Amino acid sequence: MREITPLYRDELARQSTLGDQNGRTACIEQGGTITELPAEQRQIWAETMPNIAKEWAQAADANGLPGTEVLTTYMTKMREANQPIARHWDQE
């Protein structure tokens, strides 16, 4: 597990990036437009949407899975890495 975990993490990141790139390309090729929202608008959007992360965590908990633990760990790691966080989903 210790040997394969970094490989899995790296491949998952690679596939996610590739999926994003492919999705953007397909959108544009099919006539779509990609618009980047200003930071202020992204913040408003994050603050006004339901706490879907906590809903997911609670549903996982109800199924005997560590949803709240996963969410809290993820958010803690994001804070420790000084990543930009629009909303502290785990602390609401």
PDB file of N, CA and C in Angstrom:
ATOM      1  N   MET A   1       0.824  -1.193   0.000  1.00  0.00           N
ATOM      2  CA  MET A   1       0.000   0.000   0.000  1.00  0.00           C
ATOM      3  C   MET A   1       0.872   1.262   0.000  1.00  0.00           C
ATOM      4  N   ARG A   2       1.911   1.265   0.798  1.00  0.00           N
ATOM      5  CA  ARG A   2       2.764   2.454   0.876  1.00  0.00           C
ATOM      6  C   ARG A   2       3.474   2.711  -0.441  1.00  0.00           C
ATOM      7  N   GLU A   3       3.788   1.654  -1.163  1.00  0.00           N
ATOM      8  CA  GLU A   3       4.476   1.822  -2.444  1.00  0.00           C
ATOM      9  C   GLU A   3       3.537   2.297  -3.535  1.00  0.00           C
ATOM     10  N   ILE A   4       2.337   1.776  -3.545  1.00  0.00           N
ATOM     11  CA  ILE A   4       1.419   2.060  -4.644  1.00  0.00           C
ATOM     12  C   ILE A   4       0.633   3.357  -4.433  1.00  0.00           C
ATOM     13  N   THR A   5       0.460   3.783  -3.189  1.00  0.00           N
ATOM     14  CA  THR A   5      -0.337   4.977  -2.923  1.00  0.00           C
ATOM     15  C   THR A   5       0.170   6.216  -3.661  1.00  0.00           C
ATOM     16  N   PRO A   6       1.461   6.530  -3.626  1.00  0.00           N
ATOM     17  CA  PRO A   6       1.922   7.711  -4.387  1.00  0.00           C
ATOM     18  C   PRO A   6       1.692   7.567  -5.891  1.00  0.00           C
ATOM     19  N   LEU A   7       1.820   6.360  -6.402  1.00  0.00           N
ATOM     20  CA  LEU A   7       1.581   6.135  -7.832  1.00  0.00           C
ATOM     21  C   LEU A   7       0.112   6.376  -8.168  1.00  0.00           C
ATOM     22  N   TYR A   8      -0.769   5.875  -7.323  1.00  0.00           N
ATOM     23  CA  TYR A   8      -2.201   6.066  -7.520  1.00  0.00           C
ATOM     24  C   TYR A   8      -2.545   7.551  -7.452  1.00  0.00           C
ATOM     25  N   ARG A   9      -2.014   8.252  -6.441  1.00  0.00           N
ATOM     26  CA  ARG A   9      -2.267   9.681  -6.291  1.00  0.00           C
ATOM     27  C   ARG A   9      -1.845  10.449  -7.531  1.00  0.00           C
ATOM     28  N   ASP A  10      -0.644  10.141  -8.012  1.00  0.00           N
ATOM     29  CA  ASP A  10      -0.123  10.858  -9.178  1.00  0.00           C
ATOM     30  C   ASP A  10      -0.931  10.565 -10.434  1.00  0.00           C
ATOM     31  N   GLU A  11      -1.342   9.324 -10.606  1.00  0.00           N
ATOM     32  CA  GLU A  11      -2.143   8.968 -11.781  1.00  0.00           C
ATOM     33  C   GLU A  11      -3.530   9.596 -11.696  1.00  0.00           C
ATOM     34  N   LEU A  12      -4.102   9.624 -10.511  1.00  0.00           N
ATOM     35  CA  LEU A  12      -5.411  10.257 -10.331  1.00  0.00           C
ATOM     36  C   LEU A  12      -5.329  11.745 -10.672  1.00  0.00           C
ATOM     37  N   ALA A  13      -4.281  12.413 -10.226  1.00  0.00           N
ATOM     38  CA  ALA A  13      -4.096  13.831 -10.551  1.00  0.00           C
ATOM     39  C   ALA A  13      -3.924  14.013 -12.056  1.00  0.00           C
ATOM     40  N   ARG A  14      -3.153  13.135 -12.678  1.00  0.00           N
ATOM     41  CA  ARG A  14      -2.936  13.224 -14.124  1.00  0.00           C
ATOM     42  C   ARG A  14      -4.241  13.036 -14.878  1.00  0.00           C
ATOM     43  N   GLN A  15      -5.016  12.048 -14.496  1.00  0.00           N
ATOM     44  CA  GLN A  15      -6.291  11.783 -15.158  1.00  0.00           C
ATOM     45  C   GLN A  15      -7.277  12.931 -14.945  1.00  0.00           C
ATOM     46  N   SER A  16      -7.278  13.516 -13.765  1.00  0.00           N
ATOM     47  CA  SER A  16      -8.168  14.648 -13.494  1.00  0.00           C
ATOM     48  C   SER A  16      -7.812  15.842 -14.369  1.00  0.00           C
ATOM     49  N   THR A  17      -6.531  16.121 -14.471  1.00  0.00           N
ATOM     50  CA  THR A  17      -6.077  17.231 -15.307  1.00  0.00           C
ATOM     51  C   THR A  17      -6.415  16.972 -16.768  1.00  0.00           C
ATOM     52  N   LEU A  18      -6.178  15.765 -17.218  1.00  0.00           N
ATOM     53  CA  LEU A  18      -6.487  15.393 -18.597  1.00  0.00           C
ATOM     54  C   LEU A  18      -7.988  15.509 -18.862  1.00  0.00           C
ATOM     55  N   GLY A  19      -8.799  15.055 -17.916  1.00  0.00           N
ATOM     56  CA  GLY A  19     -10.250  15.158 -18.069  1.00  0.00           C
ATOM     57  C   GLY A  19     -10.703  16.601 -18.159  1.00  0.00           C
ATOM     58  N   ASP A  20     -10.099  17.461 -17.355  1.00  0.00           N
ATOM     59  CA  ASP A  20     -10.421  18.883 -17.399  1.00  0.00           C
ATOM     60  C   ASP A  20     -10.073  19.466 -18.763  1.00  0.00           C
ATOM     61  N   GLN A  21      -8.871  19.169 -19.234  1.00  0.00           N
ATOM     62  CA  GLN A  21      -8.427  19.686 -20.536  1.00  0.00           C
ATOM     63  C   GLN A  21      -9.327  19.176 -21.657  1.00  0.00           C
ATOM     64  N   ASN A  22      -9.650  17.898 -21.622  1.00  0.00           N
ATOM     65  CA  ASN A  22     -10.506  17.323 -22.665  1.00  0.00           C
ATOM     66  C   ASN A  22     -11.911  17.910 -22.625  1.00  0.00           C
ATOM     67  N   GLY A  23     -12.426  18.117 -21.423  1.00  0.00           N
ATOM     68  CA  GLY A  23     -13.761  18.702 -21.279  1.00  0.00           C
ATOM     69  C   GLY A  23     -13.825  20.128 -21.805  1.00  0.00           C
ATOM     70  N   ARG A  24     -12.802  20.910 -21.495  1.00  0.00           N
ATOM     71  CA  ARG A  24     -12.752  22.289 -21.991  1.00  0.00           C
ATOM     72  C   ARG A  24     -12.656  22.305 -23.520  1.00  0.00           C
ATOM     73  N   THR A  25     -11.821  21.443 -24.059  1.00  0.00           N
ATOM     74  CA  THR A  25     -11.670  21.373 -25.518  1.00  0.00           C
ATOM     75  C   THR A  25     -12.989  20.991 -26.177  1.00  0.00           C
ATOM     76  N   ALA A  26     -13.650  19.974 -25.641  1.00  0.00           N
ATOM     77  CA  ALA A  26     -14.927  19.531 -26.208  1.00  0.00           C
ATOM     78  C   ALA A  26     -15.972  20.635 -26.120  1.00  0.00           C
ATOM     79  N   CYS A  27     -15.992  21.350 -25.021  1.00  0.00           N
ATOM     80  CA  CYS A  27     -16.947  22.447 -24.855  1.00  0.00           C
ATOM     81  C   CYS A  27     -16.755  23.493 -25.945  1.00  0.00           C
ATOM     82  N   ILE A  28     -15.531  23.902 -26.153  1.00  0.00           N
ATOM     83  CA  ILE A  28     -15.229  24.929 -27.159  1.00  0.00           C
ATOM     84  C   ILE A  28     -15.515  24.418 -28.566  1.00  0.00           C
ATOM     85  N   GLU A  29     -15.134  23.168 -28.835  1.00  0.00           N
ATOM     86  CA  GLU A  29     -15.370  22.590 -30.167  1.00  0.00           C
ATOM     87  C   GLU A  29     -16.851  22.498 -30.498  1.00  0.00           C
ATOM     88  N   GLN A  30     -17.695  22.373 -29.466  1.00  0.00           N
ATOM     89  CA  GLN A  30     -19.131  22.252 -29.680  1.00  0.00           C
ATOM     90  C   GLN A  30     -19.843  23.603 -29.553  1.00  0.00           C
ATOM     91  N   GLY A  31     -19.046  24.682 -29.571  1.00  0.00           N
ATOM     92  CA  GLY A  31     -19.632  26.013 -29.588  1.00  0.00           C
ATOM     93  C   GLY A  31     -19.817  26.657 -28.234  1.00  0.00           C
ATOM     94  N   GLY A  32     -19.352  26.023 -27.187  1.00  0.00           N
ATOM     95  CA  GLY A  32     -19.495  26.583 -25.849  1.00  0.00           C
ATOM     96  C   GLY A  32     -18.486  27.688 -25.577  1.00  0.00           C
ATOM     97  N   THR A  33     -18.735  28.389 -24.519  1.00  0.00           N
ATOM     98  CA  THR A  33     -17.844  29.460 -24.082  1.00  0.00           C
ATOM     99  C   THR A  33     -17.469  29.209 -22.630  1.00  0.00           C
ATOM    100  N   ILE A  34     -16.201  29.331 -22.329  1.00  0.00           N
ATOM    101  CA  ILE A  34     -15.731  29.185 -20.959  1.00  0.00           C
ATOM    102  C   ILE A  34     -15.430  30.566 -20.424  1.00  0.00           C
ATOM    103  N   THR A  35     -16.066  30.901 -19.329  1.00  0.00           N
ATOM    104  CA  THR A  35     -15.897  32.220 -18.726  1.00  0.00           C
ATOM    105  C   THR A  35     -15.384  32.048 -17.310  1.00  0.00           C
ATOM    106  N   GLU A  36     -14.289  32.707 -17.013  1.00  0.00           N
ATOM    107  CA  GLU A  36     -13.737  32.680 -15.660  1.00  0.00           C
ATOM    108  C   GLU A  36     -14.410  33.786 -14.849  1.00  0.00           C
ATOM    109  N   LEU A  37     -14.995  33.419 -13.716  1.00  0.00           N
ATOM    110  CA  LEU A  37     -15.610  34.418 -12.856  1.00  0.00           C
ATOM    111  C   LEU A  37     -14.544  35.133 -12.041  1.00  0.00           C
ATOM    112  N   PRO A  38     -14.736  36.419 -11.790  1.00  0.00           N
ATOM    113  CA  PRO A  38     -13.810  37.124 -10.902  1.00  0.00           C
ATOM    114  C   PRO A  38     -13.885  36.519  -9.493  1.00  0.00           C
ATOM    115  N   ALA A  39     -12.815  36.670  -8.738  1.00  0.00           N
ATOM    116  CA  ALA A  39     -12.735  36.090  -7.388  1.00  0.00           C
ATOM    117  C   ALA A  39     -13.924  36.499  -6.519  1.00  0.00           C
ATOM    118  N   GLU A  40     -14.357  37.747  -6.618  1.00  0.00           N
ATOM    119  CA  GLU A  40     -15.492  38.221  -5.823  1.00  0.00           C
ATOM    120  C   GLU A  40     -16.763  37.432  -6.147  1.00  0.00           C
ATOM    121  N   GLN A  41     -17.002  37.180  -7.421  1.00  0.00           N
ATOM    122  CA  GLN A  41     -18.181  36.418  -7.833  1.00  0.00           C
ATOM    123  C   GLN A  41     -18.083  34.951  -7.400  1.00  0.00           C
ATOM    124  N   ARG A  42     -16.877  34.362  -7.483  1.00  0.00           N
ATOM    125  CA  ARG A  42     -16.689  32.979  -7.024  1.00  0.00           C
ATOM    126  C   ARG A  42     -16.974  32.877  -5.530  1.00  0.00           C
ATOM    127  N   GLN A  43     -16.554  33.894  -4.770  1.00  0.00           N
ATOM    128  CA  GLN A  43     -16.790  33.888  -3.324  1.00  0.00           C
ATOM    129  C   GLN A  43     -18.284  33.957  -3.023  1.00  0.00           C
ATOM    130  N   ILE A  44     -18.993  34.839  -3.715  1.00  0.00           N
ATOM    131  CA  ILE A  44     -20.447  34.960  -3.527  1.00  0.00           C
ATOM    132  C   ILE A  44     -21.124  33.636  -3.850  1.00  0.00           C
ATOM    133  N   TRP A  45     -20.714  33.014  -4.941  1.00  0.00           N
ATOM    134  CA  TRP A  45     -21.287  31.731  -5.344  1.00  0.00           C
ATOM    135  C   TRP A  45     -21.054  30.686  -4.254  1.00  0.00           C
ATOM    136  N   ALA A  46     -19.834  30.612  -3.740  1.00  0.00           N
ATOM    137  CA  ALA A  46     -19.508  29.628  -2.704  1.00  0.00           C
ATOM    138  C   ALA A  46     -20.333  29.866  -1.444  1.00  0.00           C
ATOM    139  N   GLU A  47     -20.532  31.109  -1.094  1.00  0.00           N
ATOM    140  CA  GLU A  47     -21.252  31.438   0.138  1.00  0.00           C
ATOM    141  C   GLU A  47     -22.756  31.212   0.039  1.00  0.00           C
ATOM    142  N   THR A  48     -23.304  31.251  -1.167  1.00  0.00           N
ATOM    143  CA  THR A  48     -24.754  31.146  -1.314  1.00  0.00           C
ATOM    144  C   THR A  48     -25.242  29.743  -1.640  1.00  0.00           C
ATOM    145  N   MET A  49     -24.340  28.843  -2.008  1.00  0.00           N
ATOM    146  CA  MET A  49     -24.785  27.482  -2.332  1.00  0.00           C
ATOM    147  C   MET A  49     -24.934  26.655  -1.056  1.00  0.00           C
ATOM    148  N   PRO A  50     -25.731  25.606  -1.097  1.00  0.00           N
ATOM    149  CA  PRO A  50     -25.854  24.737   0.075  1.00  0.00           C
ATOM    150  C   PRO A  50     -24.505  24.089   0.391  1.00  0.00           C
ATOM    151  N   ASN A  51     -24.344  23.669   1.629  1.00  0.00           N
ATOM    152  CA  ASN A  51     -23.101  23.018   2.030  1.00  0.00           C
ATOM    153  C   ASN A  51     -23.118  21.565   1.545  1.00  0.00           C
ATOM    154  N   ILE A  52     -22.862  21.400   0.252  1.00  0.00           N
ATOM    155  CA  ILE A  52     -22.921  20.067  -0.352  1.00  0.00           C
ATOM    156  C   ILE A  52     -21.817  19.150   0.170  1.00  0.00           C
ATOM    157  N   ALA A  53     -20.714  19.717   0.598  1.00  0.00           N
ATOM    158  CA  ALA A  53     -19.634  18.891   1.144  1.00  0.00           C
ATOM    159  C   ALA A  53     -20.072  18.248   2.456  1.00  0.00           C
ATOM    160  N   LYS A  54     -20.705  19.026   3.314  1.00  0.00           N
ATOM    161  CA  LYS A  54     -21.175  18.485   4.590  1.00  0.00           C
ATOM    162  C   LYS A  54     -22.321  17.502   4.364  1.00  0.00           C
ATOM    163  N   GLU A  55     -23.187  17.790   3.402  1.00  0.00           N
ATOM    164  CA  GLU A  55     -24.272  16.855   3.072  1.00  0.00           C
ATOM    165  C   GLU A  55     -23.684  15.515   2.628  1.00  0.00           C
ATOM    166  N   TRP A  56     -22.648  15.571   1.774  1.00  0.00           N
ATOM    167  CA  TRP A  56     -21.991  14.344   1.317  1.00  0.00           C
ATOM    168  C   TRP A  56     -21.406  13.589   2.509  1.00  0.00           C
ATOM    169  N   ALA A  57     -20.709  14.321   3.394  1.00  0.00           N
ATOM    170  CA  ALA A  57     -20.065  13.704   4.549  1.00  0.00           C
ATOM    171  C   ALA A  57     -21.095  13.037   5.450  1.00  0.00           C
ATOM    172  N   GLN A  58     -22.201  13.701   5.702  1.00  0.00           N
ATOM    173  CA  GLN A  58     -23.238  13.142   6.566  1.00  0.00           C
ATOM    174  C   GLN A  58     -23.884  11.906   5.942  1.00  0.00           C
ATOM    175  N   ALA A  59     -24.079  11.931   4.623  1.00  0.00           N
ATOM    176  CA  ALA A  59     -24.640  10.757   3.941  1.00  0.00           C
ATOM    177  C   ALA A  59     -23.671   9.583   4.037  1.00  0.00           C
ATOM    178  N   ALA A  60     -22.383   9.852   3.874  1.00  0.00           N
ATOM    179  CA  ALA A  60     -21.382   8.789   4.002  1.00  0.00           C
ATOM    180  C   ALA A  60     -21.375   8.248   5.427  1.00  0.00           C
ATOM    181  N   ASP A  61     -21.416   9.147   6.412  1.00  0.00           N
ATOM    182  CA  ASP A  61     -21.465   8.725   7.817  1.00  0.00           C
ATOM    183  C   ASP A  61     -22.648   7.800   8.063  1.00  0.00           C
ATOM    184  N   ALA A  62     -23.808   8.163   7.515  1.00  0.00           N
ATOM    185  CA  ALA A  62     -25.030   7.368   7.697  1.00  0.00           C
ATOM    186  C   ALA A  62     -24.887   5.969   7.107  1.00  0.00           C
ATOM    187  N   ASN A  63     -23.982   5.823   6.134  1.00  0.00           N
ATOM    188  CA  ASN A  63     -23.740   4.523   5.519  1.00  0.00           C
ATOM    189  C   ASN A  63     -22.547   3.805   6.150  1.00  0.00           C
ATOM    190  N   GLY A  64     -22.104   4.293   7.307  1.00  0.00           N
ATOM    191  CA  GLY A  64     -21.012   3.648   8.013  1.00  0.00           C
ATOM    192  C   GLY A  64     -19.630   3.977   7.478  1.00  0.00           C
ATOM    193  N   LEU A  65     -19.537   4.995   6.654  1.00  0.00           N
ATOM    194  CA  LEU A  65     -18.253   5.407   6.083  1.00  0.00           C
ATOM    195  C   LEU A  65     -17.767   6.673   6.799  1.00  0.00           C
ATOM    196  N   PRO A  66     -16.478   6.949   6.772  1.00  0.00           N
ATOM    197  CA  PRO A  66     -15.935   8.096   7.517  1.00  0.00           C
ATOM    198  C   PRO A  66     -16.024   9.415   6.756  1.00  0.00           C
ATOM    199  N   GLY A  67     -17.223   9.798   6.352  1.00  0.00           N
ATOM    200  CA  GLY A  67     -17.396  11.006   5.561  1.00  0.00           C
ATOM    201  C   GLY A  67     -16.918  12.264   6.253  1.00  0.00           C
ATOM    202  N   THR A  68     -17.353  12.478   7.492  1.00  0.00           N
ATOM    203  CA  THR A  68     -16.950  13.675   8.226  1.00  0.00           C
ATOM    204  C   THR A  68     -15.443  13.675   8.447  1.00  0.00           C
ATOM    205  N   GLU A  69     -14.892  12.531   8.753  1.00  0.00           N
ATOM    206  CA  GLU A  69     -13.439  12.428   8.943  1.00  0.00           C
ATOM    207  C   GLU A  69     -12.692  12.782   7.657  1.00  0.00           C
ATOM    208  N   VAL A  70     -13.169  12.287   6.519  1.00  0.00           N
ATOM    209  CA  VAL A  70     -12.530  12.591   5.233  1.00  0.00           C
ATOM    210  C   VAL A  70     -12.614  14.085   4.939  1.00  0.00           C
ATOM    211  N   LEU A  71     -13.797  14.665   5.106  1.00  0.00           N
ATOM    212  CA  LEU A  71     -13.975  16.099   4.839  1.00  0.00           C
ATOM    213  C   LEU A  71     -13.085  16.935   5.748  1.00  0.00           C
ATOM    214  N   THR A  72     -13.084  16.634   7.033  1.00  0.00           N
ATOM    215  CA  THR A  72     -12.266  17.393   7.979  1.00  0.00           C
ATOM    216  C   THR A  72     -10.785  17.259   7.664  1.00  0.00           C
ATOM    217  N   THR A  73     -10.343  16.065   7.352  1.00  0.00           N
ATOM    218  CA  THR A  73      -8.937  15.842   7.014  1.00  0.00           C
ATOM    219  C   THR A  73      -8.559  16.620   5.763  1.00  0.00           C
ATOM    220  N   TYR A  74      -9.402  16.551   4.748  1.00  0.00           N
ATOM    221  CA  TYR A  74      -9.136  17.271   3.495  1.00  0.00           C
ATOM    222  C   TYR A  74      -9.028  18.773   3.738  1.00  0.00           C
ATOM    223  N   MET A  75     -10.003  19.328   4.440  1.00  0.00           N
ATOM    224  CA  MET A  75     -10.003  20.764   4.681  1.00  0.00           C
ATOM    225  C   MET A  75      -8.814  21.179   5.550  1.00  0.00           C
ATOM    226  N   THR A  76      -8.468  20.367   6.527  1.00  0.00           N
ATOM    227  CA  THR A  76      -7.310  20.660   7.372  1.00  0.00           C
ATOM    228  C   THR A  76      -6.033  20.681   6.543  1.00  0.00           C
ATOM    229  N   LYS A  77      -5.877  19.710   5.660  1.00  0.00           N
ATOM    230  CA  LYS A  77      -4.699  19.662   4.792  1.00  0.00           C
ATOM    231  C   LYS A  77      -4.654  20.888   3.870  1.00  0.00           C
ATOM    232  N   MET A  78      -5.810  21.308   3.363  1.00  0.00           N
ATOM    233  CA  MET A  78      -5.861  22.502   2.520  1.00  0.00           C
ATOM    234  C   MET A  78      -5.415  23.735   3.304  1.00  0.00           C
ATOM    235  N   ARG A  79      -5.905  23.863   4.542  1.00  0.00           N
ATOM    236  CA  ARG A  79      -5.516  25.006   5.368  1.00  0.00           C
ATOM    237  C   ARG A  79      -4.024  24.964   5.691  1.00  0.00           C
ATOM    238  N   GLU A  80      -3.520  23.776   6.046  1.00  0.00           N
ATOM    239  CA  GLU A  80      -2.100  23.629   6.367  1.00  0.00           C
ATOM    240  C   GLU A  80      -1.209  23.968   5.177  1.00  0.00           C
ATOM    241  N   ALA A  81      -1.691  23.722   3.976  1.00  0.00           N
ATOM    242  CA  ALA A  81      -0.916  24.002   2.760  1.00  0.00           C
ATOM    243  C   ALA A  81      -1.156  25.423   2.252  1.00  0.00           C
ATOM    244  N   ASN A  82      -1.886  26.214   3.032  1.00  0.00           N
ATOM    245  CA  ASN A  82      -2.197  27.600   2.651  1.00  0.00           C
ATOM    246  C   ASN A  82      -2.854  27.705   1.279  1.00  0.00           C
ATOM    247  N   GLN A  83      -3.733  26.753   0.994  1.00  0.00           N
ATOM    248  CA  GLN A  83      -4.473  26.778  -0.259  1.00  0.00           C
ATOM    249  C   GLN A  83      -5.648  27.746  -0.128  1.00  0.00           C
ATOM    250  N   PRO A  84      -6.018  28.396  -1.218  1.00  0.00           N
ATOM    251  CA  PRO A  84      -7.176  29.301  -1.136  1.00  0.00           C
ATOM    252  C   PRO A  84      -8.451  28.503  -0.877  1.00  0.00           C
ATOM    253  N   ILE A  85      -9.204  28.941   0.093  1.00  0.00           N
ATOM    254  CA  ILE A  85     -10.447  28.252   0.470  1.00  0.00           C
ATOM    255  C   ILE A  85     -11.560  29.282   0.479  1.00  0.00           C
ATOM    256  N   ALA A  86     -12.535  29.094  -0.370  1.00  0.00           N
ATOM    257  CA  ALA A  86     -13.653  30.036  -0.442  1.00  0.00           C
ATOM    258  C   ALA A  86     -14.615  29.842   0.728  1.00  0.00           C
ATOM    259  N   ARG A  87     -14.643  28.618   1.241  1.00  0.00           N
ATOM    260  CA  ARG A  87     -15.592  28.313   2.311  1.00  0.00           C
ATOM    261  C   ARG A  87     -15.064  27.136   3.113  1.00  0.00           C
ATOM    262  N   HIS A  88     -15.133  27.236   4.422  1.00  0.00           N
ATOM    263  CA  HIS A  88     -14.653  26.159   5.297  1.00  0.00           C
ATOM    264  C   HIS A  88     -15.822  25.210   5.567  1.00  0.00           C
ATOM    265  N   TRP A  89     -16.050  24.345   4.585  1.00  0.00           N
ATOM    266  CA  TRP A  89     -17.209  23.461   4.580  1.00  0.00           C
ATOM    267  C   TRP A  89     -17.313  22.612   5.845  1.00  0.00           C
ATOM    268  N   ASP A  90     -16.192  22.205   6.370  1.00  0.00           N
ATOM    269  CA  ASP A  90     -16.186  21.313   7.533  1.00  0.00           C
ATOM    270  C   ASP A  90     -16.487  22.031   8.842  1.00  0.00           C
ATOM    271  N   GLN A  91     -16.433  23.332   8.877  1.00  0.00           N
ATOM    272  CA  GLN A  91     -16.595  24.077  10.125  1.00  0.00           C
ATOM    273  C   GLN A  91     -17.963  24.719  10.264  1.00  0.00           C
ATOM    274  N   GLU A  92     -18.861  24.414   9.364  1.00  0.00           N
ATOM    275  CA  GLU A  92     -20.215  25.000   9.444  1.00  0.00           C
ATOM    276  C   GLU A  92     -21.162  24.059  10.155  1.00  0.00           C
TER     277      GLU A  92
END
